[in-house]
Amino acid sequence: MQNKRIRKFVISIVMLMAGMTAGFILLGTVYTGPRWIAFAVFVVYLVVSYAVVRLSWRYVSDMKKENIDNPHISS
């Protein structure tokens, strides 16, 4: 049961990252303003992406550890 939860969580994170990337690419293609603003948005995108991946990785490892420490948990 725990592996199913982990798989669903990972799939949702992958979908989030794909949507964020597609949105940034589309925004970058239609934006005609100053390039420094586009660069600032790119930096924010990188920071948010890094934080999502890092915190998700930590959450998945904690879910796996919880399953190892107490294998009789069913949720």
C-alpha atoms as a PDB file:
ATOM      1  CA  MET A   1       0.000   0.000   0.000  1.00  0.00           C
ATOM      2  CA  GLN A   2       2.874   2.356   0.823  1.00  0.00           C
ATOM      3  CA  ASN A   3       4.510   1.859  -2.582  1.00  0.00           C
ATOM      4  CA  LYS A   4       1.261   2.862  -4.270  1.00  0.00           C
ATOM      5  CA  ARG A   5       1.218   6.117  -2.288  1.00  0.00           C
ATOM      6  CA  ILE A   6       4.829   6.817  -3.224  1.00  0.00           C
ATOM      7  CA  ARG A   7       4.160   6.106  -6.903  1.00  0.00           C
ATOM      8  CA  LYS A   8       1.132   8.425  -6.956  1.00  0.00           C
ATOM      9  CA  PHE A   9       3.134  11.174  -5.245  1.00  0.00           C
ATOM     10  CA  VAL A  10       6.030  10.865  -7.681  1.00  0.00           C
ATOM     11  CA  ILE A  11       3.671  10.934 -10.668  1.00  0.00           C
ATOM     12  CA  SER A  12       2.041  14.110  -9.349  1.00  0.00           C
ATOM     13  CA  ILE A  13       5.445  15.779  -8.904  1.00  0.00           C
ATOM     14  CA  VAL A  14       6.478  14.790 -12.434  1.00  0.00           C
ATOM     15  CA  MET A  15       3.235  16.266 -13.786  1.00  0.00           C
ATOM     16  CA  LEU A  16       3.815  19.461 -11.789  1.00  0.00           C
ATOM     17  CA  MET A  17       7.348  19.838 -13.127  1.00  0.00           C
ATOM     18  CA  ALA A  18       6.213  19.147 -16.710  1.00  0.00           C
ATOM     19  CA  GLY A  19       3.475  21.764 -16.404  1.00  0.00           C
ATOM     20  CA  MET A  20       5.830  24.331 -14.904  1.00  0.00           C
ATOM     21  CA  THR A  21       8.381  23.724 -17.644  1.00  0.00           C
ATOM     22  CA  ALA A  22       5.803  23.956 -20.420  1.00  0.00           C
ATOM     23  CA  GLY A  23       4.389  27.132 -18.916  1.00  0.00           C
ATOM     24  CA  PHE A  24       7.805  28.729 -18.660  1.00  0.00           C
ATOM     25  CA  ILE A  25       8.669  27.794 -22.253  1.00  0.00           C
ATOM     26  CA  LEU A  26       5.377  29.176 -23.550  1.00  0.00           C
ATOM     27  CA  LEU A  27       5.808  32.352 -21.523  1.00  0.00           C
ATOM     28  CA  GLY A  28       9.348  32.750 -22.821  1.00  0.00           C
ATOM     29  CA  THR A  29       8.241  32.453 -26.426  1.00  0.00           C
ATOM     30  CA  VAL A  30       5.516  35.100 -26.255  1.00  0.00           C
ATOM     31  CA  TYR A  31       7.138  37.584 -23.850  1.00  0.00           C
ATOM     32  CA  THR A  32       8.434  40.682 -25.644  1.00  0.00           C
ATOM     33  CA  GLY A  33       9.539  42.799 -22.697  1.00  0.00           C
ATOM     34  CA  PRO A  34      13.007  43.412 -21.280  1.00  0.00           C
ATOM     35  CA  ARG A  35      15.291  40.368 -21.281  1.00  0.00           C
ATOM     36  CA  TRP A  36      16.420  40.949 -17.686  1.00  0.00           C
ATOM     37  CA  ILE A  37      12.856  40.309 -16.487  1.00  0.00           C
ATOM     38  CA  ALA A  38      12.750  37.069 -18.466  1.00  0.00           C
ATOM     39  CA  PHE A  39      16.072  36.095 -16.876  1.00  0.00           C
ATOM     40  CA  ALA A  40      14.729  36.926 -13.397  1.00  0.00           C
ATOM     41  CA  VAL A  41      11.688  34.721 -14.044  1.00  0.00           C
ATOM     42  CA  PHE A  42      14.029  31.954 -15.209  1.00  0.00           C
ATOM     43  CA  VAL A  43      16.028  32.201 -11.968  1.00  0.00           C
ATOM     44  CA  VAL A  44      12.824  32.029  -9.907  1.00  0.00           C
ATOM     45  CA  TYR A  45      11.731  29.012 -11.968  1.00  0.00           C
ATOM     46  CA  LEU A  46      15.046  27.261 -11.243  1.00  0.00           C
ATOM     47  CA  VAL A  47      14.835  27.991  -7.511  1.00  0.00           C
ATOM     48  CA  VAL A  48      11.248  26.751  -7.250  1.00  0.00           C
ATOM     49  CA  SER A  49      12.030  23.641  -9.314  1.00  0.00           C
ATOM     50  CA  TYR A  50      15.051  22.845  -7.160  1.00  0.00           C
ATOM     51  CA  ALA A  51      13.022  23.279  -3.967  1.00  0.00           C
ATOM     52  CA  VAL A  52      10.186  21.075  -5.239  1.00  0.00           C
ATOM     53  CA  VAL A  53      12.551  18.278  -6.265  1.00  0.00           C
ATOM     54  CA  ARG A  54      14.629  18.447  -3.074  1.00  0.00           C
ATOM     55  CA  LEU A  55      11.666  18.530  -0.702  1.00  0.00           C
ATOM     56  CA  SER A  56       9.839  15.827  -2.649  1.00  0.00           C
ATOM     57  CA  TRP A  57      12.913  13.609  -2.502  1.00  0.00           C
ATOM     58  CA  ARG A  58      13.064  14.084   1.266  1.00  0.00           C
ATOM     59  CA  TYR A  59       9.338  13.353   1.639  1.00  0.00           C
ATOM     60  CA  VAL A  60       9.569  10.123  -0.393  1.00  0.00           C
ATOM     61  CA  SER A  61      12.573   8.947   1.630  1.00  0.00           C
ATOM     62  CA  ASP A  62      10.671   9.647   4.840  1.00  0.00           C
ATOM     63  CA  MET A  63       7.685   7.680   3.541  1.00  0.00           C
ATOM     64  CA  LYS A  64       9.968   4.751   2.711  1.00  0.00           C
ATOM     65  CA  LYS A  65      11.625   4.958   6.149  1.00  0.00           C
ATOM     66  CA  GLU A  66       8.218   4.992   7.842  1.00  0.00           C
ATOM     67  CA  ASN A  67       7.300   1.851   5.933  1.00  0.00           C
ATOM     68  CA  ILE A  68      10.541   0.118   6.967  1.00  0.00           C
ATOM     69  CA  ASP A  69      10.236   1.105  10.638  1.00  0.00           C
ATOM     70  CA  ASN A  70       6.620  -0.002  10.922  1.00  0.00           C
ATOM     71  CA  PRO A  71       5.597  -2.320   8.073  1.00  0.00           C
ATOM     72  CA  HIS A  72       2.151  -2.987   9.595  1.00  0.00           C
ATOM     73  CA  ILE A  73       0.897   0.536   8.931  1.00  0.00           C
ATOM     74  CA  SER A  74      -1.879   0.508   6.385  1.00  0.00           C
ATOM     75  CA  SER A  75      -3.065   3.874   5.158  1.00  0.00           C
END
